[in-house]
Amino acid sequence: MDYGTDLLLVDDDIVFTADGDVALVSGPAMIAQDIDQTLKITPGELYWDNETGSTMLLALNDSEAGADSVIAELERVAVADLRVKPESVKAYQTGPGKYRLEFTSMAAVQPETLDIDLTKEGTNNA
């Protein structure tokens, strides 16, 4: 299954190759990047798509939100992506403020991982 191609982002910055071209991402890694970007958007922030986004950033300022809330939101965002096998989604805490999301895309056999580090308010594909 072809999911298309997008610009590769690392720490929300566009990556360039050694020869100056823009680096690209595709396949399951692109899905992980899309989920990463969705987690950084608050619902209603995109005027052309009020449904897109996550409550993850809101949870960072909520003293009532614990690890279970973060894990539930990670899993909700991944399951909402039509390119992801819902039964493959699993999120768990790996340390204080650190989480891992694992999922398998519809066309893949191997799982993809996305590491989330809320201590620096960023996420990284692994």
PDB file of N, CA and C in Angstrom:
ATOM      1  N   MET A   1       0.849  -1.176   0.000  1.00  0.00           N
ATOM      2  CA  MET A   1       0.000   0.000   0.000  1.00  0.00           C
ATOM      3  C   MET A   1       0.893   1.238   0.000  1.00  0.00           C
ATOM      4  N   ASP A   2       0.589   2.170  -0.859  1.00  0.00           N
ATOM      5  CA  ASP A   2       1.363   3.408  -0.972  1.00  0.00           C
ATOM      6  C   ASP A   2       0.664   4.505  -0.182  1.00  0.00           C
ATOM      7  N   TYR A   3       1.355   5.033   0.819  1.00  0.00           N
ATOM      8  CA  TYR A   3       0.793   6.093   1.644  1.00  0.00           C
ATOM      9  C   TYR A   3       1.260   7.471   1.196  1.00  0.00           C
ATOM     10  N   GLY A   4       2.023   7.524   0.117  1.00  0.00           N
ATOM     11  CA  GLY A   4       2.529   8.785  -0.368  1.00  0.00           C
ATOM     12  C   GLY A   4       3.883   9.105   0.238  1.00  0.00           C
ATOM     13  N   THR A   5       4.295  10.335   0.050  1.00  0.00           N
ATOM     14  CA  THR A   5       5.601  10.803   0.505  1.00  0.00           C
ATOM     15  C   THR A   5       5.433  12.195   1.082  1.00  0.00           C
ATOM     16  N   ASP A   6       6.238  12.513   2.078  1.00  0.00           N
ATOM     17  CA  ASP A   6       6.181  13.826   2.713  1.00  0.00           C
ATOM     18  C   ASP A   6       7.605  14.267   3.039  1.00  0.00           C
ATOM     19  N   LEU A   7       7.737  15.505   3.452  1.00  0.00           N
ATOM     20  CA  LEU A   7       9.031  16.007   3.898  1.00  0.00           C
ATOM     21  C   LEU A   7       9.389  15.366   5.228  1.00  0.00           C
ATOM     22  N   LEU A   8      10.632  14.978   5.382  1.00  0.00           N
ATOM     23  CA  LEU A   8      11.094  14.409   6.645  1.00  0.00           C
ATOM     24  C   LEU A   8      11.311  15.540   7.652  1.00  0.00           C
ATOM     25  N   LEU A   9      10.720  15.361   8.833  1.00  0.00           N
ATOM     26  CA  LEU A   9      10.876  16.329   9.914  1.00  0.00           C
ATOM     27  C   LEU A   9      11.606  15.676  11.074  1.00  0.00           C
ATOM     28  N   VAL A  10      12.562  16.384  11.637  1.00  0.00           N
ATOM     29  CA  VAL A  10      13.225  15.961  12.871  1.00  0.00           C
ATOM     30  C   VAL A  10      13.161  17.153  13.812  1.00  0.00           C
ATOM     31  N   ASP A  11      12.556  16.941  14.970  1.00  0.00           N
ATOM     32  CA  ASP A  11      12.316  18.041  15.920  1.00  0.00           C
ATOM     33  C   ASP A  11      11.578  19.186  15.237  1.00  0.00           C
ATOM     34  N   ASP A  12      10.623  18.845  14.384  1.00  0.00           N
ATOM     35  CA  ASP A  12       9.766  19.785  13.655  1.00  0.00           C
ATOM     36  C   ASP A  12      10.510  20.630  12.628  1.00  0.00           C
ATOM     37  N   ASP A  13      11.730  20.276  12.304  1.00  0.00           N
ATOM     38  CA  ASP A  13      12.496  20.979  11.280  1.00  0.00           C
ATOM     39  C   ASP A  13      12.657  20.098  10.044  1.00  0.00           C
ATOM     40  N   ILE A  14      12.632  20.716   8.873  1.00  0.00           N
ATOM     41  CA  ILE A  14      12.857  19.990   7.623  1.00  0.00           C
ATOM     42  C   ILE A  14      14.311  19.541   7.577  1.00  0.00           C
ATOM     43  N   VAL A  15      14.521  18.308   7.118  1.00  0.00           N
ATOM     44  CA  VAL A  15      15.856  17.727   7.032  1.00  0.00           C
ATOM     45  C   VAL A  15      16.334  17.813   5.579  1.00  0.00           C
ATOM     46  N   PHE A  16      17.596  18.128   5.408  1.00  0.00           N
ATOM     47  CA  PHE A  16      18.199  18.191   4.084  1.00  0.00           C
ATOM     48  C   PHE A  16      19.251  17.099   3.950  1.00  0.00           C
ATOM     49  N   THR A  17      19.383  16.572   2.740  1.00  0.00           N
ATOM     50  CA  THR A  17      20.400  15.566   2.459  1.00  0.00           C
ATOM     51  C   THR A  17      21.749  16.251   2.302  1.00  0.00           C
ATOM     52  N   ALA A  18      22.812  15.462   2.211  1.00  0.00           N
ATOM     53  CA  ALA A  18      24.170  16.003   2.072  1.00  0.00           C
ATOM     54  C   ALA A  18      24.323  16.856   0.815  1.00  0.00           C
ATOM     55  N   ASP A  19      23.563  16.523  -0.247  1.00  0.00           N
ATOM     56  CA  ASP A  19      23.674  17.302  -1.487  1.00  0.00           C
ATOM     57  C   ASP A  19      22.686  18.464  -1.556  1.00  0.00           C
ATOM     58  N   GLY A  20      22.004  18.759  -0.445  1.00  0.00           N
ATOM     59  CA  GLY A  20      21.137  19.927  -0.376  1.00  0.00           C
ATOM     60  C   GLY A  20      19.683  19.702  -0.727  1.00  0.00           C
ATOM     61  N   ASP A  21      19.323  18.483  -1.116  1.00  0.00           N
ATOM     62  CA  ASP A  21      17.921  18.180  -1.397  1.00  0.00           C
ATOM     63  C   ASP A  21      17.153  18.014  -0.092  1.00  0.00           C
ATOM     64  N   VAL A  22      15.850  18.172  -0.185  1.00  0.00           N
ATOM     65  CA  VAL A  22      15.002  17.950   0.977  1.00  0.00           C
ATOM     66  C   VAL A  22      14.856  16.441   1.180  1.00  0.00           C
ATOM     67  N   ALA A  23      15.074  15.969   2.403  1.00  0.00           N
ATOM     68  CA  ALA A  23      14.904  14.551   2.712  1.00  0.00           C
ATOM     69  C   ALA A  23      13.416  14.230   2.780  1.00  0.00           C
ATOM     70  N   LEU A  24      13.069  13.018   2.352  1.00  0.00           N
ATOM     71  CA  LEU A  24      11.674  12.596   2.292  1.00  0.00           C
ATOM     72  C   LEU A  24      11.432  11.404   3.207  1.00  0.00           C
ATOM     73  N   VAL A  25      10.173  11.205   3.550  1.00  0.00           N
ATOM     74  CA  VAL A  25       9.758  10.065   4.356  1.00  0.00           C
ATOM     75  C   VAL A  25       8.522   9.464   3.704  1.00  0.00           C
ATOM     76  N   SER A  26       8.405   8.141   3.779  1.00  0.00           N
ATOM     77  CA  SER A  26       7.232   7.467   3.226  1.00  0.00           C
ATOM     78  C   SER A  26       6.991   6.188   4.022  1.00  0.00           C
ATOM     79  N   GLY A  27       5.899   5.510   3.692  1.00  0.00           N
ATOM     80  CA  GLY A  27       5.579   4.245   4.343  1.00  0.00           C
ATOM     81  C   GLY A  27       5.203   4.416   5.808  1.00  0.00           C
ATOM     82  N   PRO A  28       5.435   3.357   6.610  1.00  0.00           N
ATOM     83  CA  PRO A  28       5.074   3.407   8.028  1.00  0.00           C
ATOM     84  C   PRO A  28       5.762   4.532   8.795  1.00  0.00           C
ATOM     85  N   ALA A  29       6.971   4.908   8.398  1.00  0.00           N
ATOM     86  CA  ALA A  29       7.657   6.018   9.078  1.00  0.00           C
ATOM     87  C   ALA A  29       6.904   7.324   8.874  1.00  0.00           C
ATOM     88  N   MET A  30       6.256   7.479   7.718  1.00  0.00           N
ATOM     89  CA  MET A  30       5.468   8.679   7.473  1.00  0.00           C
ATOM     90  C   MET A  30       4.223   8.689   8.365  1.00  0.00           C
ATOM     91  N   ILE A  31       3.642   7.515   8.597  1.00  0.00           N
ATOM     92  CA  ILE A  31       2.488   7.438   9.495  1.00  0.00           C
ATOM     93  C   ILE A  31       2.902   7.868  10.896  1.00  0.00           C
ATOM     94  N   ALA A  32       4.060   7.386  11.355  1.00  0.00           N
ATOM     95  CA  ALA A  32       4.558   7.776  12.679  1.00  0.00           C
ATOM     96  C   ALA A  32       4.770   9.286  12.734  1.00  0.00           C
ATOM     97  N   GLN A  33       5.314   9.859  11.668  1.00  0.00           N
ATOM     98  CA  GLN A  33       5.521  11.311  11.635  1.00  0.00           C
ATOM     99  C   GLN A  33       4.184  12.046  11.658  1.00  0.00           C
ATOM    100  N   ASP A  34       3.195  11.534  10.929  1.00  0.00           N
ATOM    101  CA  ASP A  34       1.869  12.162  10.928  1.00  0.00           C
ATOM    102  C   ASP A  34       1.224  12.105  12.311  1.00  0.00           C
ATOM    103  N   ILE A  35       1.353  10.968  12.990  1.00  0.00           N
ATOM    104  CA  ILE A  35       0.808  10.846  14.348  1.00  0.00           C
ATOM    105  C   ILE A  35       1.521  11.825  15.270  1.00  0.00           C
ATOM    106  N   ASP A  36       2.835  11.908  15.136  1.00  0.00           N
ATOM    107  CA  ASP A  36       3.632  12.850  15.925  1.00  0.00           C
ATOM    108  C   ASP A  36       3.117  14.274  15.734  1.00  0.00           C
ATOM    109  N   GLN A  37       2.863  14.666  14.510  1.00  0.00           N
ATOM    110  CA  GLN A  37       2.381  16.017  14.231  1.00  0.00           C
ATOM    111  C   GLN A  37       0.959  16.217  14.762  1.00  0.00           C
ATOM    112  N   THR A  38       0.113  15.207  14.661  1.00  0.00           N
ATOM    113  CA  THR A  38      -1.256  15.301  15.178  1.00  0.00           C
ATOM    114  C   THR A  38      -1.254  15.525  16.688  1.00  0.00           C
ATOM    115  N   LEU A  39      -0.329  14.879  17.391  1.00  0.00           N
ATOM    116  CA  LEU A  39      -0.239  15.033  18.838  1.00  0.00           C
ATOM    117  C   LEU A  39       0.104  16.459  19.252  1.00  0.00           C
ATOM    118  N   LYS A  40       0.679  17.226  18.350  1.00  0.00           N
ATOM    119  CA  LYS A  40       1.105  18.597  18.643  1.00  0.00           C
ATOM    120  C   LYS A  40       0.075  19.646  18.240  1.00  0.00           C
ATOM    121  N   ILE A  41      -1.055  19.212  17.731  1.00  0.00           N
ATOM    122  CA  ILE A  41      -2.110  20.132  17.292  1.00  0.00           C
ATOM    123  C   ILE A  41      -3.287  19.999  18.247  1.00  0.00           C
ATOM    124  N   THR A  42      -3.764  21.106  18.760  1.00  0.00           N
ATOM    125  CA  THR A  42      -4.952  21.116  19.608  1.00  0.00           C
ATOM    126  C   THR A  42      -6.186  21.118  18.712  1.00  0.00           C
ATOM    127  N   PRO A  43      -7.221  20.308  19.022  1.00  0.00           N
ATOM    128  CA  PRO A  43      -8.428  20.321  18.189  1.00  0.00           C
ATOM    129  C   PRO A  43      -8.966  21.738  18.015  1.00  0.00           C
ATOM    130  N   GLY A  44      -9.306  22.082  16.780  1.00  0.00           N
ATOM    131  CA  GLY A  44      -9.813  23.406  16.462  1.00  0.00           C
ATOM    132  C   GLY A  44      -8.727  24.374  16.032  1.00  0.00           C
ATOM    133  N   GLU A  45      -7.473  23.985  16.174  1.00  0.00           N
ATOM    134  CA  GLU A  45      -6.359  24.860  15.822  1.00  0.00           C
ATOM    135  C   GLU A  45      -6.241  25.065  14.310  1.00  0.00           C
ATOM    136  N   LEU A  46      -6.598  24.048  13.540  1.00  0.00           N
ATOM    137  CA  LEU A  46      -6.554  24.157  12.084  1.00  0.00           C
ATOM    138  C   LEU A  46      -7.923  24.602  11.587  1.00  0.00           C
ATOM    139  N   TYR A  47      -8.018  25.810  11.074  1.00  0.00           N
ATOM    140  CA  TYR A  47      -9.323  26.343  10.684  1.00  0.00           C
ATOM    141  C   TYR A  47      -9.977  25.530   9.579  1.00  0.00           C
ATOM    142  N   TRP A  48      -9.194  24.824   8.766  1.00  0.00           N
ATOM    143  CA  TRP A  48      -9.761  24.037   7.671  1.00  0.00           C
ATOM    144  C   TRP A  48     -10.132  22.618   8.104  1.00  0.00           C
ATOM    145  N   ASP A  49      -9.761  22.236   9.331  1.00  0.00           N
ATOM    146  CA  ASP A  49     -10.095  20.896   9.826  1.00  0.00           C
ATOM    147  C   ASP A  49     -10.174  20.949  11.353  1.00  0.00           C
ATOM    148  N   ASN A  50     -11.353  21.273  11.873  1.00  0.00           N
ATOM    149  CA  ASN A  50     -11.537  21.414  13.315  1.00  0.00           C
ATOM    150  C   ASN A  50     -11.437  20.100  14.081  1.00  0.00           C
ATOM    151  N   GLU A  51     -11.555  18.974  13.385  1.00  0.00           N
ATOM    152  CA  GLU A  51     -11.528  17.668  14.048  1.00  0.00           C
ATOM    153  C   GLU A  51     -10.111  17.169  14.301  1.00  0.00           C
ATOM    154  N   THR A  52      -9.159  17.616  13.498  1.00  0.00           N
ATOM    155  CA  THR A  52      -7.789  17.133  13.622  1.00  0.00           C
ATOM    156  C   THR A  52      -7.159  17.653  14.905  1.00  0.00           C
ATOM    157  N   GLY A  53      -6.388  16.799  15.537  1.00  0.00           N
ATOM    158  CA  GLY A  53      -5.651  17.223  16.713  1.00  0.00           C
ATOM    159  C   GLY A  53      -5.755  16.254  17.862  1.00  0.00           C
ATOM    160  N   SER A  54      -5.166  16.667  18.966  1.00  0.00           N
ATOM    161  CA  SER A  54      -5.064  15.828  20.147  1.00  0.00           C
ATOM    162  C   SER A  54      -5.171  16.701  21.396  1.00  0.00           C
ATOM    163  N   THR A  55      -5.594  16.097  22.463  1.00  0.00           N
ATOM    164  CA  THR A  55      -5.643  16.798  23.743  1.00  0.00           C
ATOM    165  C   THR A  55      -4.328  16.640  24.523  1.00  0.00           C
ATOM    166  N   MET A  56      -3.303  16.090  23.864  1.00  0.00           N
ATOM    167  CA  MET A  56      -2.021  15.839  24.530  1.00  0.00           C
ATOM    168  C   MET A  56      -1.436  17.112  25.135  1.00  0.00           C
ATOM    169  N   LEU A  57      -1.404  18.196  24.388  1.00  0.00           N
ATOM    170  CA  LEU A  57      -0.830  19.440  24.920  1.00  0.00           C
ATOM    171  C   LEU A  57      -1.650  19.988  26.077  1.00  0.00           C
ATOM    172  N   LEU A  58      -2.963  19.788  26.034  1.00  0.00           N
ATOM    173  CA  LEU A  58      -3.818  20.238  27.134  1.00  0.00           C
ATOM    174  C   LEU A  58      -3.533  19.439  28.398  1.00  0.00           C
ATOM    175  N   ALA A  59      -3.220  18.153  28.226  1.00  0.00           N
ATOM    176  CA  ALA A  59      -2.941  17.288  29.372  1.00  0.00           C
ATOM    177  C   ALA A  59      -1.660  17.697  30.098  1.00  0.00           C
ATOM    178  N   LEU A  60      -0.733  18.295  29.372  1.00  0.00           N
ATOM    179  CA  LEU A  60       0.522  18.705  30.003  1.00  0.00           C
ATOM    180  C   LEU A  60       0.307  19.759  31.085  1.00  0.00           C
ATOM    181  N   ASN A  61      -0.756  20.543  30.956  1.00  0.00           N
ATOM    182  CA  ASN A  61      -1.059  21.589  31.933  1.00  0.00           C
ATOM    183  C   ASN A  61      -2.146  21.193  32.921  1.00  0.00           C
ATOM    184  N   ASP A  62      -2.577  19.940  32.854  1.00  0.00           N
ATOM    185  CA  ASP A  62      -3.654  19.459  33.707  1.00  0.00           C
ATOM    186  C   ASP A  62      -3.067  18.616  34.835  1.00  0.00           C
ATOM    187  N   SER A  63      -3.173  19.093  36.052  1.00  0.00           N
ATOM    188  CA  SER A  63      -2.605  18.371  37.187  1.00  0.00           C
ATOM    189  C   SER A  63      -3.315  17.040  37.439  1.00  0.00           C
ATOM    190  N   GLU A  64      -4.531  16.891  36.910  1.00  0.00           N
ATOM    191  CA  GLU A  64      -5.290  15.652  37.076  1.00  0.00           C
ATOM    192  C   GLU A  64      -4.897  14.586  36.051  1.00  0.00           C
ATOM    193  N   ALA A  65      -4.258  14.986  34.968  1.00  0.00           N
ATOM    194  CA  ALA A  65      -3.900  14.054  33.898  1.00  0.00           C
ATOM    195  C   ALA A  65      -2.645  13.284  34.286  1.00  0.00           C
ATOM    196  N   GLY A  66      -2.760  11.990  34.338  1.00  0.00           N
ATOM    197  CA  GLY A  66      -1.623  11.145  34.667  1.00  0.00           C
ATOM    198  C   GLY A  66      -1.198  10.309  33.481  1.00  0.00           C
ATOM    199  N   ALA A  67      -0.371   9.324  33.748  1.00  0.00           N
ATOM    200  CA  ALA A  67       0.144   8.454  32.698  1.00  0.00           C
ATOM    201  C   ALA A  67      -0.978   7.752  31.941  1.00  0.00           C
ATOM    202  N   ASP A  68      -2.020   7.344  32.649  1.00  0.00           N
ATOM    203  CA  ASP A  68      -3.122   6.654  31.978  1.00  0.00           C
ATOM    204  C   ASP A  68      -3.799   7.544  30.951  1.00  0.00           C
ATOM    205  N   SER A  69      -3.931   8.829  31.242  1.00  0.00           N
ATOM    206  CA  SER A  69      -4.534   9.771  30.295  1.00  0.00           C
ATOM    207  C   SER A  69      -3.661   9.935  29.055  1.00  0.00           C
ATOM    208  N   VAL A  70      -2.367  10.023  29.258  1.00  0.00           N
ATOM    209  CA  VAL A  70      -1.441  10.170  28.134  1.00  0.00           C
ATOM    210  C   VAL A  70      -1.477   8.920  27.265  1.00  0.00           C
ATOM    211  N   ILE A  71      -1.419   7.759  27.889  1.00  0.00           N
ATOM    212  CA  ILE A  71      -1.448   6.498  27.158  1.00  0.00           C
ATOM    213  C   ILE A  71      -2.742   6.373  26.359  1.00  0.00           C
ATOM    214  N   ALA A  72      -3.857   6.703  26.975  1.00  0.00           N
ATOM    215  CA  ALA A  72      -5.156   6.630  26.281  1.00  0.00           C
ATOM    216  C   ALA A  72      -5.189   7.567  25.080  1.00  0.00           C
ATOM    217  N   GLU A  73      -4.628   8.762  25.212  1.00  0.00           N
ATOM    218  CA  GLU A  73      -4.629   9.722  24.098  1.00  0.00           C
ATOM    219  C   GLU A  73      -3.706   9.259  22.978  1.00  0.00           C
ATOM    220  N   LEU A  74      -2.555   8.718  23.312  1.00  0.00           N
ATOM    221  CA  LEU A  74      -1.653   8.173  22.293  1.00  0.00           C
ATOM    222  C   LEU A  74      -2.349   7.079  21.491  1.00  0.00           C
ATOM    223  N   GLU A  75      -3.000   6.176  22.198  1.00  0.00           N
ATOM    224  CA  GLU A  75      -3.694   5.074  21.530  1.00  0.00           C
ATOM    225  C   GLU A  75      -4.876   5.588  20.711  1.00  0.00           C
ATOM    226  N   ARG A  76      -5.604   6.576  21.215  1.00  0.00           N
ATOM    227  CA  ARG A  76      -6.752   7.111  20.483  1.00  0.00           C
ATOM    228  C   ARG A  76      -6.318   7.722  19.153  1.00  0.00           C
ATOM    229  N   VAL A  77      -5.255   8.508  19.184  1.00  0.00           N
ATOM    230  CA  VAL A  77      -4.775   9.163  17.965  1.00  0.00           C
ATOM    231  C   VAL A  77      -4.294   8.121  16.956  1.00  0.00           C
ATOM    232  N   ALA A  78      -3.581   7.111  17.413  1.00  0.00           N
ATOM    233  CA  ALA A  78      -3.092   6.075  16.490  1.00  0.00           C
ATOM    234  C   ALA A  78      -4.238   5.279  15.883  1.00  0.00           C
ATOM    235  N   VAL A  79      -5.204   4.894  16.696  1.00  0.00           N
ATOM    236  CA  VAL A  79      -6.340   4.102  16.199  1.00  0.00           C
ATOM    237  C   VAL A  79      -7.180   4.920  15.218  1.00  0.00           C
ATOM    238  N   ALA A  80      -7.224   6.225  15.403  1.00  0.00           N
ATOM    239  CA  ALA A  80      -8.009   7.083  14.509  1.00  0.00           C
ATOM    240  C   ALA A  80      -7.408   7.179  13.111  1.00  0.00           C
ATOM    241  N   ASP A  81      -6.136   6.826  12.960  1.00  0.00           N
ATOM    242  CA  ASP A  81      -5.487   6.872  11.648  1.00  0.00           C
ATOM    243  C   ASP A  81      -5.890   5.620  10.864  1.00  0.00           C
ATOM    244  N   LEU A  82      -6.550   5.812   9.740  1.00  0.00           N
ATOM    245  CA  LEU A  82      -7.075   4.701   8.946  1.00  0.00           C
ATOM    246  C   LEU A  82      -5.985   3.812   8.361  1.00  0.00           C
ATOM    247  N   ARG A  83      -4.759   4.254   8.388  1.00  0.00           N
ATOM    248  CA  ARG A  83      -3.638   3.469   7.853  1.00  0.00           C
ATOM    249  C   ARG A  83      -3.053   2.512   8.892  1.00  0.00           C
ATOM    250  N   VAL A  84      -3.584   2.551  10.110  1.00  0.00           N
ATOM    251  CA  VAL A  84      -3.054   1.764  11.228  1.00  0.00           C
ATOM    252  C   VAL A  84      -4.013   0.623  11.556  1.00  0.00           C
ATOM    253  N   LYS A  85      -3.455  -0.567  11.797  1.00  0.00           N
ATOM    254  CA  LYS A  85      -4.251  -1.703  12.269  1.00  0.00           C
ATOM    255  C   LYS A  85      -4.634  -1.427  13.727  1.00  0.00           C
ATOM    256  N   PRO A  86      -5.909  -1.200  14.012  1.00  0.00           N
ATOM    257  CA  PRO A  86      -6.307  -0.826  15.379  1.00  0.00           C
ATOM    258  C   PRO A  86      -5.865  -1.818  16.451  1.00  0.00           C
ATOM    259  N   GLU A  87      -5.917  -3.102  16.129  1.00  0.00           N
ATOM    260  CA  GLU A  87      -5.567  -4.126  17.119  1.00  0.00           C
ATOM    261  C   GLU A  87      -4.078  -4.141  17.439  1.00  0.00           C
ATOM    262  N   SER A  88      -3.264  -3.464  16.628  1.00  0.00           N
ATOM    263  CA  SER A  88      -1.816  -3.474  16.838  1.00  0.00           C
ATOM    264  C   SER A  88      -1.335  -2.335  17.747  1.00  0.00           C
ATOM    265  N   VAL A  89      -2.204  -1.402  18.080  1.00  0.00           N
ATOM    266  CA  VAL A  89      -1.806  -0.198  18.806  1.00  0.00           C
ATOM    267  C   VAL A  89      -1.591  -0.503  20.284  1.00  0.00           C
ATOM    268  N   LYS A  90      -0.424  -0.074  20.764  1.00  0.00           N
ATOM    269  CA  LYS A  90      -0.109  -0.237  22.188  1.00  0.00           C
ATOM    270  C   LYS A  90       0.780   0.923  22.608  1.00  0.00           C
ATOM    271  N   ALA A  91       0.422   1.565  23.695  1.00  0.00           N
ATOM    272  CA  ALA A  91       1.234   2.644  24.255  1.00  0.00           C
ATOM    273  C   ALA A  91       1.555   2.300  25.702  1.00  0.00           C
ATOM    274  N   TYR A  92       2.726   2.700  26.135  1.00  0.00           N
ATOM    275  CA  TYR A  92       3.119   2.450  27.518  1.00  0.00           C
ATOM    276  C   TYR A  92       4.178   3.468  27.935  1.00  0.00           C
ATOM    277  N   GLN A  93       4.335   3.594  29.250  1.00  0.00           N
ATOM    278  CA  GLN A  93       5.306   4.526  29.811  1.00  0.00           C
ATOM    279  C   GLN A  93       6.658   3.839  29.900  1.00  0.00           C
ATOM    280  N   THR A  94       7.721   4.535  29.465  1.00  0.00           N
ATOM    281  CA  THR A  94       9.069   3.974  29.515  1.00  0.00           C
ATOM    282  C   THR A  94       9.938   4.619  30.595  1.00  0.00           C
ATOM    283  N   GLY A  95       9.441   5.706  31.185  1.00  0.00           N
ATOM    284  CA  GLY A  95      10.169   6.416  32.231  1.00  0.00           C
ATOM    285  C   GLY A  95       9.369   7.646  32.621  1.00  0.00           C
ATOM    286  N   PRO A  96       9.853   8.428  33.574  1.00  0.00           N
ATOM    287  CA  PRO A  96       9.128   9.638  33.967  1.00  0.00           C
ATOM    288  C   PRO A  96       8.961  10.594  32.775  1.00  0.00           C
ATOM    289  N   GLY A  97       7.724  10.811  32.374  1.00  0.00           N
ATOM    290  CA  GLY A  97       7.434  11.712  31.267  1.00  0.00           C
ATOM    291  C   GLY A  97       7.763  11.160  29.893  1.00  0.00           C
ATOM    292  N   LYS A  98       8.098   9.882  29.822  1.00  0.00           N
ATOM    293  CA  LYS A  98       8.484   9.268  28.543  1.00  0.00           C
ATOM    294  C   LYS A  98       7.564   8.098  28.224  1.00  0.00           C
ATOM    295  N   TYR A  99       7.152   8.050  26.953  1.00  0.00           N
ATOM    296  CA  TYR A  99       6.191   7.040  26.510  1.00  0.00           C
ATOM    297  C   TYR A  99       6.622   6.474  25.167  1.00  0.00           C
ATOM    298  N   ARG A 100       6.115   5.304  24.868  1.00  0.00           N
ATOM    299  CA  ARG A 100       6.349   4.690  23.558  1.00  0.00           C
ATOM    300  C   ARG A 100       5.003   4.245  22.999  1.00  0.00           C
ATOM    301  N   LEU A 101       4.805   4.563  21.735  1.00  0.00           N
ATOM    302  CA  LEU A 101       3.626   4.129  20.994  1.00  0.00           C
ATOM    303  C   LEU A 101       4.100   3.146  19.938  1.00  0.00           C
ATOM    304  N   GLU A 102       3.501   1.969  19.912  1.00  0.00           N
ATOM    305  CA  GLU A 102       3.812   0.965  18.907  1.00  0.00           C
ATOM    306  C   GLU A 102       2.554   0.691  18.106  1.00  0.00           C
ATOM    307  N   PHE A 103       2.719   0.547  16.790  1.00  0.00           N
ATOM    308  CA  PHE A 103       1.598   0.235  15.913  1.00  0.00           C
ATOM    309  C   PHE A 103       2.128  -0.407  14.641  1.00  0.00           C
ATOM    310  N   THR A 104       1.235  -1.060  13.924  1.00  0.00           N
ATOM    311  CA  THR A 104       1.576  -1.639  12.633  1.00  0.00           C
ATOM    312  C   THR A 104       0.637  -1.039  11.602  1.00  0.00           C
ATOM    313  N   SER A 105       1.203  -0.607  10.490  1.00  0.00           N
ATOM    314  CA  SER A 105       0.370  -0.055   9.428  1.00  0.00           C
ATOM    315  C   SER A 105      -0.339  -1.191   8.702  1.00  0.00           C
ATOM    316  N   MET A 106      -1.372  -0.856   7.966  1.00  0.00           N
ATOM    317  CA  MET A 106      -2.170  -1.853   7.251  1.00  0.00           C
ATOM    318  C   MET A 106      -1.329  -2.690   6.302  1.00  0.00           C
ATOM    319  N   ALA A 107      -0.287  -2.122   5.726  1.00  0.00           N
ATOM    320  CA  ALA A 107       0.501  -2.821   4.725  1.00  0.00           C
ATOM    321  C   ALA A 107       1.783  -3.433   5.276  1.00  0.00           C
ATOM    322  N   ALA A 108       2.056  -3.257   6.548  1.00  0.00           N
ATOM    323  CA  ALA A 108       3.333  -3.704   7.107  1.00  0.00           C
ATOM    324  C   ALA A 108       3.156  -4.923   8.001  1.00  0.00           C
ATOM    325  N   VAL A 109       4.261  -5.586   8.237  1.00  0.00           N
ATOM    326  CA  VAL A 109       4.298  -6.715   9.156  1.00  0.00           C
ATOM    327  C   VAL A 109       5.013  -6.296  10.438  1.00  0.00           C
ATOM    328  N   GLN A 110       6.072  -5.518  10.292  1.00  0.00           N
ATOM    329  CA  GLN A 110       6.850  -5.060  11.434  1.00  0.00           C
ATOM    330  C   GLN A 110       6.202  -3.832  12.063  1.00  0.00           C
ATOM    331  N   PRO A 111       6.198  -3.773  13.389  1.00  0.00           N
ATOM    332  CA  PRO A 111       5.631  -2.586  14.047  1.00  0.00           C
ATOM    333  C   PRO A 111       6.534  -1.365  13.897  1.00  0.00           C
ATOM    334  N   GLU A 112       5.926  -0.216  13.947  1.00  0.00           N
ATOM    335  CA  GLU A 112       6.617   1.072  13.944  1.00  0.00           C
ATOM    336  C   GLU A 112       6.533   1.608  15.368  1.00  0.00           C
ATOM    337  N   THR A 113       7.528   2.346  15.803  1.00  0.00           N
ATOM    338  CA  THR A 113       7.493   2.915  17.150  1.00  0.00           C
ATOM    339  C   THR A 113       7.643   4.428  17.081  1.00  0.00           C
ATOM    340  N   LEU A 114       7.039   5.070  18.034  1.00  0.00           N
ATOM    341  CA  LEU A 114       7.137   6.509  18.188  1.00  0.00           C
ATOM    342  C   LEU A 114       7.416   6.767  19.660  1.00  0.00           C
ATOM    343  N   ASP A 115       8.566   7.353  19.969  1.00  0.00           N
ATOM    344  CA  ASP A 115       8.930   7.672  21.342  1.00  0.00           C
ATOM    345  C   ASP A 115       8.522   9.104  21.639  1.00  0.00           C
ATOM    346  N   ILE A 116       7.858   9.282  22.755  1.00  0.00           N
ATOM    347  CA  ILE A 116       7.355  10.590  23.157  1.00  0.00           C
ATOM    348  C   ILE A 116       8.040  10.978  24.463  1.00  0.00           C
ATOM    349  N   ASP A 117       8.684  12.135  24.458  1.00  0.00           N
ATOM    350  CA  ASP A 117       9.374  12.632  25.643  1.00  0.00           C
ATOM    351  C   ASP A 117       8.687  13.928  26.065  1.00  0.00           C
ATOM    352  N   LEU A 118       7.792  13.845  27.023  1.00  0.00           N
ATOM    353  CA  LEU A 118       7.052  15.020  27.475  1.00  0.00           C
ATOM    354  C   LEU A 118       7.882  15.915  28.382  1.00  0.00           C
ATOM    355  N   THR A 119       9.049  15.449  28.796  1.00  0.00           N
ATOM    356  CA  THR A 119       9.901  16.294  29.619  1.00  0.00           C
ATOM    357  C   THR A 119      10.523  17.405  28.786  1.00  0.00           C
ATOM    358  N   LYS A 120      10.618  17.208  27.473  1.00  0.00           N
ATOM    359  CA  LYS A 120      11.119  18.261  26.608  1.00  0.00           C
ATOM    360  C   LYS A 120      10.063  18.689  25.597  1.00  0.00           C
ATOM    361  N   GLU A 121       8.815  18.247  25.846  1.00  0.00           N
ATOM    362  CA  GLU A 121       7.673  18.582  25.002  1.00  0.00           C
ATOM    363  C   GLU A 121       7.931  18.273  23.546  1.00  0.00           C
ATOM    364  N   GLY A 122       8.500  17.108  23.275  1.00  0.00           N
ATOM    365  CA  GLY A 122       8.750  16.709  21.899  1.00  0.00           C
ATOM    366  C   GLY A 122       8.538  15.232  21.705  1.00  0.00           C
ATOM    367  N   THR A 123       8.486  14.816  20.467  1.00  0.00           N
ATOM    368  CA  THR A 123       8.348  13.413  20.136  1.00  0.00           C
ATOM    369  C   THR A 123       9.359  13.078  19.076  1.00  0.00           C
ATOM    370  N   ASN A 124       9.753  11.827  19.031  1.00  0.00           N
ATOM    371  CA  ASN A 124      10.743  11.396  18.058  1.00  0.00           C
ATOM    372  C   ASN A 124      10.410  10.014  17.549  1.00  0.00           C
ATOM    373  N   ASN A 125      10.552   9.826  16.272  1.00  0.00           N
ATOM    374  CA  ASN A 125      10.397   8.488  15.695  1.00  0.00           C
ATOM    375  C   ASN A 125      11.588   7.653  16.079  1.00  0.00           C
ATOM    376  N   ALA A 126      11.356   6.388  16.369  1.00  0.00           N
ATOM    377  CA  ALA A 126      12.460   5.498  16.696  1.00  0.00           C
ATOM    378  C   ALA A 126      12.636   4.485  15.596  1.00  0.00           C
TER     379      ALA A 126
END
